[in-house]
Amino acid sequence: MAPSPAITEPESALPSVRARIIAFVSILAAGALGGATGVWFMGTQCDDGCTVGTGLSMWFGTVLLSLGAAVVAVISLRTVAEWNSGRRA
C-alpha cells in the first residue's frame, strides 16, 4: 500500500488581523469626520438651531464618508492580499 500524500491546507487570502483592525478604525474615523463635517456645514447655513437639518446632515455625512472609506479599505486589503500571495509563489 502506497503512503498517502501529505494534505496541505490552502493558504488564506485574508489580510492580517492588524490590517483589518486598521481598516476598521479608519472607517470609524471617516464616519466621525463625516458627521462633524455635516454639523459644521449646517452650522454655516442655519443661525437658530435647525436640529432636524443638523441631524440629517450629520447622518448623511457619516453614512457617505463611512461607505467611501469602506470601499477604499476593501479594495486596499484585497490588493495587498493579492500582492502578498504573488510574492509567496
PDB file of N, CA and C in Angstrom:
ATOM      1  N   MET A   1       0.844  -1.167   0.000  1.00  0.00           N
ATOM      2  CA  MET A   1       0.000   0.000   0.000  1.00  0.00           C
ATOM      3  C   MET A   1       0.896   1.239   0.000  1.00  0.00           C
ATOM      4  N   ALA A   2       0.615   2.163  -0.922  1.00  0.00           N
ATOM      5  CA  ALA A   2       1.428   3.377  -1.047  1.00  0.00           C
ATOM      6  C   ALA A   2       1.000   4.388   0.010  1.00  0.00           C
ATOM      7  N   PRO A   3       1.961   5.119   0.536  1.00  0.00           N
ATOM      8  CA  PRO A   3       1.596   6.130   1.539  1.00  0.00           C
ATOM      9  C   PRO A   3       0.808   7.265   0.875  1.00  0.00           C
ATOM     10  N   SER A   4      -0.145   7.773   1.608  1.00  0.00           N
ATOM     11  CA  SER A   4      -0.963   8.862   1.054  1.00  0.00           C
ATOM     12  C   SER A   4      -0.163  10.166   1.067  1.00  0.00           C
ATOM     13  N   PRO A   5      -0.373  10.989   0.042  1.00  0.00           N
ATOM     14  CA  PRO A   5       0.370  12.257   0.002  1.00  0.00           C
ATOM     15  C   PRO A   5      -0.070  13.170   1.146  1.00  0.00           C
ATOM     16  N   ALA A   6       0.844  14.004   1.578  1.00  0.00           N
ATOM     17  CA  ALA A   6       0.537  14.935   2.666  1.00  0.00           C
ATOM     18  C   ALA A   6      -0.487  15.961   2.188  1.00  0.00           C
ATOM     19  N   ILE A   7      -1.508  16.129   2.972  1.00  0.00           N
ATOM     20  CA  ILE A   7      -2.543  17.101   2.639  1.00  0.00           C
ATOM     21  C   ILE A   7      -2.155  18.425   3.282  1.00  0.00           C
ATOM     22  N   THR A   8      -2.047  19.433   2.445  1.00  0.00           N
ATOM     23  CA  THR A   8      -1.694  20.749   2.973  1.00  0.00           C
ATOM     24  C   THR A   8      -2.909  21.663   2.910  1.00  0.00           C
ATOM     25  N   GLU A   9      -3.015  22.504   3.877  1.00  0.00           N
ATOM     26  CA  GLU A   9      -4.097  23.480   3.917  1.00  0.00           C
ATOM     27  C   GLU A   9      -3.839  24.555   2.863  1.00  0.00           C
ATOM     28  N   PRO A  10      -4.858  25.006   2.172  1.00  0.00           N
ATOM     29  CA  PRO A  10      -4.651  26.111   1.225  1.00  0.00           C
ATOM     30  C   PRO A  10      -4.319  27.394   1.988  1.00  0.00           C
ATOM     31  N   GLU A  11      -3.508  28.237   1.364  1.00  0.00           N
ATOM     32  CA  GLU A  11      -3.150  29.488   2.013  1.00  0.00           C
ATOM     33  C   GLU A  11      -4.364  30.407   2.066  1.00  0.00           C
ATOM     34  N   SER A  12      -4.487  31.100   3.164  1.00  0.00           N
ATOM     35  CA  SER A  12      -5.611  32.016   3.342  1.00  0.00           C
ATOM     36  C   SER A  12      -5.361  33.306   2.572  1.00  0.00           C
ATOM     37  N   ALA A  13      -6.404  33.821   1.977  1.00  0.00           N
ATOM     38  CA  ALA A  13      -6.307  35.098   1.265  1.00  0.00           C
ATOM     39  C   ALA A  13      -6.668  36.270   2.167  1.00  0.00           C
ATOM     40  N   LEU A  14      -6.968  35.967   3.438  1.00  0.00           N
ATOM     41  CA  LEU A  14      -7.334  37.039   4.360  1.00  0.00           C
ATOM     42  C   LEU A  14      -6.131  37.904   4.693  1.00  0.00           C
ATOM     43  N   PRO A  15      -6.336  39.203   4.801  1.00  0.00           N
ATOM     44  CA  PRO A  15      -5.243  40.058   5.255  1.00  0.00           C
ATOM     45  C   PRO A  15      -4.991  39.824   6.744  1.00  0.00           C
ATOM     46  N   SER A  16      -3.902  40.351   7.228  1.00  0.00           N
ATOM     47  CA  SER A  16      -3.560  40.149   8.635  1.00  0.00           C
ATOM     48  C   SER A  16      -4.597  40.822   9.536  1.00  0.00           C
ATOM     49  N   VAL A  17      -4.637  40.367  10.774  1.00  0.00           N
ATOM     50  CA  VAL A  17      -5.570  40.941  11.737  1.00  0.00           C
ATOM     51  C   VAL A  17      -5.256  42.419  11.948  1.00  0.00           C
ATOM     52  N   ARG A  18      -3.987  42.754  11.986  1.00  0.00           N
ATOM     53  CA  ARG A  18      -3.574  44.148  12.172  1.00  0.00           C
ATOM     54  C   ARG A  18      -4.113  45.035  11.046  1.00  0.00           C
ATOM     55  N   ALA A  19      -4.015  44.560   9.814  1.00  0.00           N
ATOM     56  CA  ALA A  19      -4.512  45.338   8.676  1.00  0.00           C
ATOM     57  C   ALA A  19      -6.024  45.510   8.747  1.00  0.00           C
ATOM     58  N   ARG A  20      -6.734  44.469   9.171  1.00  0.00           N
ATOM     59  CA  ARG A  20      -8.187  44.570   9.284  1.00  0.00           C
ATOM     60  C   ARG A  20      -8.600  45.532  10.390  1.00  0.00           C
ATOM     61  N   ILE A  21      -7.858  45.531  11.494  1.00  0.00           N
ATOM     62  CA  ILE A  21      -8.160  46.458  12.592  1.00  0.00           C
ATOM     63  C   ILE A  21      -7.916  47.900  12.154  1.00  0.00           C
ATOM     64  N   ILE A  22      -6.806  48.127  11.453  1.00  0.00           N
ATOM     65  CA  ILE A  22      -6.510  49.477  10.960  1.00  0.00           C
ATOM     66  C   ILE A  22      -7.602  49.941   9.999  1.00  0.00           C
ATOM     67  N   ALA A  23      -8.063  49.056   9.134  1.00  0.00           N
ATOM     68  CA  ALA A  23      -9.129  49.414   8.191  1.00  0.00           C
ATOM     69  C   ALA A  23     -10.423  49.748   8.934  1.00  0.00           C
ATOM     70  N   PHE A  24     -10.756  48.962   9.943  1.00  0.00           N
ATOM     71  CA  PHE A  24     -11.976  49.198  10.716  1.00  0.00           C
ATOM     72  C   PHE A  24     -11.918  50.538  11.442  1.00  0.00           C
ATOM     73  N   VAL A  25     -10.785  50.818  12.074  1.00  0.00           N
ATOM     74  CA  VAL A  25     -10.636  52.086  12.794  1.00  0.00           C
ATOM     75  C   VAL A  25     -10.687  53.267  11.822  1.00  0.00           C
ATOM     76  N   SER A  26     -10.103  53.098  10.642  1.00  0.00           N
ATOM     77  CA  SER A  26     -10.144  54.196   9.670  1.00  0.00           C
ATOM     78  C   SER A  26     -11.565  54.443   9.163  1.00  0.00           C
ATOM     79  N   ILE A  27     -12.375  53.398   9.042  1.00  0.00           N
ATOM     80  CA  ILE A  27     -13.775  53.576   8.648  1.00  0.00           C
ATOM     81  C   ILE A  27     -14.539  54.329   9.739  1.00  0.00           C
ATOM     82  N   LEU A  28     -14.287  53.978  11.002  1.00  0.00           N
ATOM     83  CA  LEU A  28     -14.933  54.698  12.101  1.00  0.00           C
ATOM     84  C   LEU A  28     -14.504  56.161  12.138  1.00  0.00           C
ATOM     85  N   ALA A  29     -13.210  56.409  11.933  1.00  0.00           N
ATOM     86  CA  ALA A  29     -12.709  57.787  11.942  1.00  0.00           C
ATOM     87  C   ALA A  29     -13.315  58.593  10.794  1.00  0.00           C
ATOM     88  N   ALA A  30     -13.429  57.982   9.625  1.00  0.00           N
ATOM     89  CA  ALA A  30     -14.035  58.682   8.487  1.00  0.00           C
ATOM     90  C   ALA A  30     -15.500  59.002   8.768  1.00  0.00           C
ATOM     91  N   GLY A  31     -16.209  58.081   9.404  1.00  0.00           N
ATOM     92  CA  GLY A  31     -17.600  58.346   9.763  1.00  0.00           C
ATOM     93  C   GLY A  31     -17.727  59.496  10.747  1.00  0.00           C
ATOM     94  N   ALA A  32     -16.837  59.535  11.731  1.00  0.00           N
ATOM     95  CA  ALA A  32     -16.860  60.635  12.702  1.00  0.00           C
ATOM     96  C   ALA A  32     -16.558  61.969  12.023  1.00  0.00           C
ATOM     97  N   LEU A  33     -15.595  61.964  11.119  1.00  0.00           N
ATOM     98  CA  LEU A  33     -15.278  63.199  10.393  1.00  0.00           C
ATOM     99  C   LEU A  33     -16.429  63.622   9.485  1.00  0.00           C
ATOM    100  N   GLY A  34     -17.105  62.656   8.886  1.00  0.00           N
ATOM    101  CA  GLY A  34     -18.262  62.977   8.052  1.00  0.00           C
ATOM    102  C   GLY A  34     -19.390  63.590   8.862  1.00  0.00           C
ATOM    103  N   GLY A  35     -19.631  63.039  10.055  1.00  0.00           N
ATOM    104  CA  GLY A  35     -20.650  63.616  10.929  1.00  0.00           C
ATOM    105  C   GLY A  35     -20.290  65.020  11.372  1.00  0.00           C
ATOM    106  N   ALA A  36     -19.020  65.216  11.727  1.00  0.00           N
ATOM    107  CA  ALA A  36     -18.572  66.548  12.141  1.00  0.00           C
ATOM    108  C   ALA A  36     -18.680  67.541  10.985  1.00  0.00           C
ATOM    109  N   THR A  37     -18.371  67.087   9.788  1.00  0.00           N
ATOM    110  CA  THR A  37     -18.491  67.960   8.617  1.00  0.00           C
ATOM    111  C   THR A  37     -19.947  68.334   8.365  1.00  0.00           C
ATOM    112  N   GLY A  38     -20.855  67.378   8.538  1.00  0.00           N
ATOM    113  CA  GLY A  38     -22.278  67.670   8.372  1.00  0.00           C
ATOM    114  C   GLY A  38     -22.773  68.692   9.377  1.00  0.00           C
ATOM    115  N   VAL A  39     -22.351  68.562  10.631  1.00  0.00           N
ATOM    116  CA  VAL A  39     -22.750  69.525  11.659  1.00  0.00           C
ATOM    117  C   VAL A  39     -22.166  70.899  11.348  1.00  0.00           C
ATOM    118  N   TRP A  40     -20.918  70.927  10.943  1.00  0.00           N
ATOM    119  CA  TRP A  40     -20.278  72.202  10.611  1.00  0.00           C
ATOM    120  C   TRP A  40     -20.980  72.868   9.428  1.00  0.00           C
ATOM    121  N   PHE A  41     -21.294  72.084   8.413  1.00  0.00           N
ATOM    122  CA  PHE A  41     -21.959  72.631   7.233  1.00  0.00           C
ATOM    123  C   PHE A  41     -23.308  73.245   7.597  1.00  0.00           C
ATOM    124  N   MET A  42     -24.086  72.544   8.407  1.00  0.00           N
ATOM    125  CA  MET A  42     -25.386  73.093   8.803  1.00  0.00           C
ATOM    126  C   MET A  42     -25.217  74.286   9.730  1.00  0.00           C
ATOM    127  N   GLY A  43     -24.142  74.325  10.491  1.00  0.00           N
ATOM    128  CA  GLY A  43     -23.879  75.485  11.339  1.00  0.00           C
ATOM    129  C   GLY A  43     -23.621  76.736  10.526  1.00  0.00           C
ATOM    130  N   THR A  44     -23.043  76.577   9.348  1.00  0.00           N
ATOM    131  CA  THR A  44     -22.812  77.741   8.490  1.00  0.00           C
ATOM    132  C   THR A  44     -24.069  78.147   7.730  1.00  0.00           C
ATOM    133  N   GLN A  45     -25.019  77.223   7.572  1.00  0.00           N
ATOM    134  CA  GLN A  45     -26.228  77.505   6.795  1.00  0.00           C
ATOM    135  C   GLN A  45     -27.379  78.030   7.646  1.00  0.00           C
ATOM    136  N   CYS A  46     -27.389  77.693   8.917  1.00  0.00           N
ATOM    137  CA  CYS A  46     -28.549  77.975   9.755  1.00  0.00           C
ATOM    138  C   CYS A  46     -28.100  78.692  11.030  1.00  0.00           C
ATOM    139  N   ASP A  47     -28.803  79.756  11.399  1.00  0.00           N
ATOM    140  CA  ASP A  47     -28.404  80.533  12.571  1.00  0.00           C
ATOM    141  C   ASP A  47     -29.089  80.093  13.859  1.00  0.00           C
ATOM    142  N   ASP A  48     -30.319  79.644  13.796  1.00  0.00           N
ATOM    143  CA  ASP A  48     -31.082  79.393  15.022  1.00  0.00           C
ATOM    144  C   ASP A  48     -31.371  77.909  15.250  1.00  0.00           C
ATOM    145  N   GLY A  49     -30.346  77.113  15.417  1.00  0.00           N
ATOM    146  CA  GLY A  49     -30.532  75.717  15.792  1.00  0.00           C
ATOM    147  C   GLY A  49     -30.651  74.759  14.631  1.00  0.00           C
ATOM    148  N   CYS A  50     -31.833  74.675  14.045  1.00  0.00           N
ATOM    149  CA  CYS A  50     -32.106  73.733  12.947  1.00  0.00           C
ATOM    150  C   CYS A  50     -31.712  72.307  13.327  1.00  0.00           C
ATOM    151  N   THR A  51     -32.294  71.786  14.386  1.00  0.00           N
ATOM    152  CA  THR A  51     -31.877  70.482  14.890  1.00  0.00           C
ATOM    153  C   THR A  51     -32.148  69.355  13.902  1.00  0.00           C
ATOM    154  N   VAL A  52     -33.274  69.392  13.212  1.00  0.00           N
ATOM    155  CA  VAL A  52     -33.581  68.327  12.253  1.00  0.00           C
ATOM    156  C   VAL A  52     -32.610  68.372  11.081  1.00  0.00           C
ATOM    157  N   GLY A  53     -32.389  69.556  10.559  1.00  0.00           N
ATOM    158  CA  GLY A  53     -31.442  69.702   9.451  1.00  0.00           C
ATOM    159  C   GLY A  53     -30.030  69.309   9.848  1.00  0.00           C
ATOM    160  N   THR A  54     -29.635  69.690  11.061  1.00  0.00           N
ATOM    161  CA  THR A  54     -28.301  69.330  11.542  1.00  0.00           C
ATOM    162  C   THR A  54     -28.185  67.823  11.716  1.00  0.00           C
ATOM    163  N   GLY A  55     -29.221  67.210  12.273  1.00  0.00           N
ATOM    164  CA  GLY A  55     -29.200  65.756  12.465  1.00  0.00           C
ATOM    165  C   GLY A  55     -29.146  65.003  11.150  1.00  0.00           C
ATOM    166  N   LEU A  56     -29.958  65.429  10.193  1.00  0.00           N
ATOM    167  CA  LEU A  56     -29.944  64.774   8.882  1.00  0.00           C
ATOM    168  C   LEU A  56     -28.616  64.979   8.166  1.00  0.00           C
ATOM    169  N   SER A  57     -28.087  66.171   8.278  1.00  0.00           N
ATOM    170  CA  SER A  57     -26.798  66.462   7.652  1.00  0.00           C
ATOM    171  C   SER A  57     -25.685  65.631   8.286  1.00  0.00           C
ATOM    172  N   MET A  58     -25.734  65.503   9.610  1.00  0.00           N
ATOM    173  CA  MET A  58     -24.740  64.694  10.311  1.00  0.00           C
ATOM    174  C   MET A  58     -24.863  63.228   9.899  1.00  0.00           C
ATOM    175  N   TRP A  59     -26.085  62.718   9.834  1.00  0.00           N
ATOM    176  CA  TRP A  59     -26.301  61.322   9.447  1.00  0.00           C
ATOM    177  C   TRP A  59     -25.823  61.075   8.017  1.00  0.00           C
ATOM    178  N   PHE A  60     -26.192  61.974   7.106  1.00  0.00           N
ATOM    179  CA  PHE A  60     -25.801  61.822   5.708  1.00  0.00           C
ATOM    180  C   PHE A  60     -24.281  61.855   5.558  1.00  0.00           C
ATOM    181  N   GLY A  61     -23.619  62.786   6.236  1.00  0.00           N
ATOM    182  CA  GLY A  61     -22.154  62.869   6.171  1.00  0.00           C
ATOM    183  C   GLY A  61     -21.490  61.627   6.734  1.00  0.00           C
ATOM    184  N   THR A  62     -22.031  61.123   7.845  1.00  0.00           N
ATOM    185  CA  THR A  62     -21.468  59.915   8.461  1.00  0.00           C
ATOM    186  C   THR A  62     -21.595  58.720   7.531  1.00  0.00           C
ATOM    187  N   VAL A  63     -22.775  58.512   6.983  1.00  0.00           N
ATOM    188  CA  VAL A  63     -23.002  57.366   6.096  1.00  0.00           C
ATOM    189  C   VAL A  63     -22.161  57.483   4.834  1.00  0.00           C
ATOM    190  N   LEU A  64     -22.148  58.665   4.240  1.00  0.00           N
ATOM    191  CA  LEU A  64     -21.426  58.854   2.987  1.00  0.00           C
ATOM    192  C   LEU A  64     -19.927  58.613   3.158  1.00  0.00           C
ATOM    193  N   LEU A  65     -19.327  59.222   4.168  1.00  0.00           N
ATOM    194  CA  LEU A  65     -17.889  59.051   4.347  1.00  0.00           C
ATOM    195  C   LEU A  65     -17.534  57.646   4.834  1.00  0.00           C
ATOM    196  N   SER A  66     -18.384  57.032   5.658  1.00  0.00           N
ATOM    197  CA  SER A  66     -18.116  55.661   6.101  1.00  0.00           C
ATOM    198  C   SER A  66     -18.151  54.683   4.931  1.00  0.00           C
ATOM    199  N   LEU A  67     -19.142  54.823   4.066  1.00  0.00           N
ATOM    200  CA  LEU A  67     -19.220  53.932   2.901  1.00  0.00           C
ATOM    201  C   LEU A  67     -18.037  54.140   1.960  1.00  0.00           C
ATOM    202  N   GLY A  68     -17.660  55.380   1.750  1.00  0.00           N
ATOM    203  CA  GLY A  68     -16.497  55.654   0.904  1.00  0.00           C
ATOM    204  C   GLY A  68     -15.223  55.063   1.475  1.00  0.00           C
ATOM    205  N   ALA A  69     -15.033  55.225   2.781  1.00  0.00           N
ATOM    206  CA  ALA A  69     -13.841  54.667   3.423  1.00  0.00           C
ATOM    207  C   ALA A  69     -13.875  53.144   3.401  1.00  0.00           C
ATOM    208  N   ALA A  70     -15.064  52.555   3.542  1.00  0.00           N
ATOM    209  CA  ALA A  70     -15.177  51.095   3.498  1.00  0.00           C
ATOM    210  C   ALA A  70     -14.812  50.556   2.123  1.00  0.00           C
ATOM    211  N   VAL A  71     -15.244  51.233   1.077  1.00  0.00           N
ATOM    212  CA  VAL A  71     -14.894  50.805  -0.284  1.00  0.00           C
ATOM    213  C   VAL A  71     -13.386  50.866  -0.487  1.00  0.00           C
ATOM    214  N   VAL A  72     -12.781  51.967  -0.070  1.00  0.00           N
ATOM    215  CA  VAL A  72     -11.329  52.109  -0.209  1.00  0.00           C
ATOM    216  C   VAL A  72     -10.603  51.055   0.619  1.00  0.00           C
ATOM    217  N   ALA A  73     -11.093  50.771   1.828  1.00  0.00           N
ATOM    218  CA  ALA A  73     -10.449  49.779   2.688  1.00  0.00           C
ATOM    219  C   ALA A  73     -10.530  48.381   2.081  1.00  0.00           C
ATOM    220  N   VAL A  74     -11.685  48.010   1.551  1.00  0.00           N
ATOM    221  CA  VAL A  74     -11.838  46.678   0.955  1.00  0.00           C
ATOM    222  C   VAL A  74     -10.936  46.525  -0.265  1.00  0.00           C
ATOM    223  N   ILE A  75     -10.919  47.533  -1.115  1.00  0.00           N
ATOM    224  CA  ILE A  75     -10.061  47.462  -2.301  1.00  0.00           C
ATOM    225  C   ILE A  75      -8.595  47.388  -1.897  1.00  0.00           C
ATOM    226  N   SER A  76      -8.207  48.171  -0.903  1.00  0.00           N
ATOM    227  CA  SER A  76      -6.810  48.163  -0.446  1.00  0.00           C
ATOM    228  C   SER A  76      -6.430  46.822   0.162  1.00  0.00           C
ATOM    229  N   LEU A  77      -7.294  46.269   1.009  1.00  0.00           N
ATOM    230  CA  LEU A  77      -6.979  44.984   1.641  1.00  0.00           C
ATOM    231  C   LEU A  77      -6.886  43.864   0.606  1.00  0.00           C
ATOM    232  N   ARG A  78      -7.767  43.877  -0.378  1.00  0.00           N
ATOM    233  CA  ARG A  78      -7.699  42.853  -1.432  1.00  0.00           C
ATOM    234  C   ARG A  78      -6.436  43.002  -2.270  1.00  0.00           C
ATOM    235  N   THR A  79      -6.058  44.232  -2.552  1.00  0.00           N
ATOM    236  CA  THR A  79      -4.851  44.472  -3.337  1.00  0.00           C
ATOM    237  C   THR A  79      -3.613  43.999  -2.595  1.00  0.00           C
ATOM    238  N   VAL A  80      -3.535  44.312  -1.316  1.00  0.00           N
ATOM    239  CA  VAL A  80      -2.379  43.886  -0.515  1.00  0.00           C
ATOM    240  C   VAL A  80      -2.338  42.364  -0.409  1.00  0.00           C
ATOM    241  N   ALA A  81      -3.497  41.728  -0.226  1.00  0.00           N
ATOM    242  CA  ALA A  81      -3.531  40.267  -0.142  1.00  0.00           C
ATOM    243  C   ALA A  81      -3.073  39.636  -1.455  1.00  0.00           C
ATOM    244  N   GLU A  82      -3.511  40.200  -2.578  1.00  0.00           N
ATOM    245  CA  GLU A  82      -3.088  39.669  -3.878  1.00  0.00           C
ATOM    246  C   GLU A  82      -1.594  39.895  -4.098  1.00  0.00           C
ATOM    247  N   TRP A  83      -1.112  41.047  -3.700  1.00  0.00           N
ATOM    248  CA  TRP A  83       0.310  41.357  -3.843  1.00  0.00           C
ATOM    249  C   TRP A  83       1.152  40.372  -3.027  1.00  0.00           C
ATOM    250  N   ASN A  84       0.734  40.123  -1.788  1.00  0.00           N
ATOM    251  CA  ASN A  84       1.491  39.212  -0.929  1.00  0.00           C
ATOM    252  C   ASN A  84       1.405  37.770  -1.407  1.00  0.00           C
ATOM    253  N   SER A  85       0.276  37.351  -1.971  1.00  0.00           N
ATOM    254  CA  SER A  85       0.175  35.977  -2.466  1.00  0.00           C
ATOM    255  C   SER A  85       1.061  35.781  -3.692  1.00  0.00           C
ATOM    256  N   GLY A  86       1.203  36.795  -4.519  1.00  0.00           N
ATOM    257  CA  GLY A  86       2.100  36.710  -5.670  1.00  0.00           C
ATOM    258  C   GLY A  86       3.553  36.681  -5.250  1.00  0.00           C
ATOM    259  N   ARG A  87       3.857  37.324  -4.157  1.00  0.00           N
ATOM    260  CA  ARG A  87       5.220  37.355  -3.645  1.00  0.00           C
ATOM    261  C   ARG A  87       5.621  35.999  -3.060  1.00  0.00           C
ATOM    262  N   ARG A  88       4.637  35.276  -2.478  1.00  0.00           N
ATOM    263  CA  ARG A  88       4.927  33.971  -1.871  1.00  0.00           C
ATOM    264  C   ARG A  88       5.138  32.883  -2.915  1.00  0.00           C
ATOM    265  N   ALA A  89       4.528  33.037  -4.073  1.00  0.00           N
ATOM    266  CA  ALA A  89       4.571  31.979  -5.095  1.00  0.00           C
ATOM    267  C   ALA A  89       5.928  31.844  -5.741  1.00  0.00           C
TER     268      ALA A  89
END
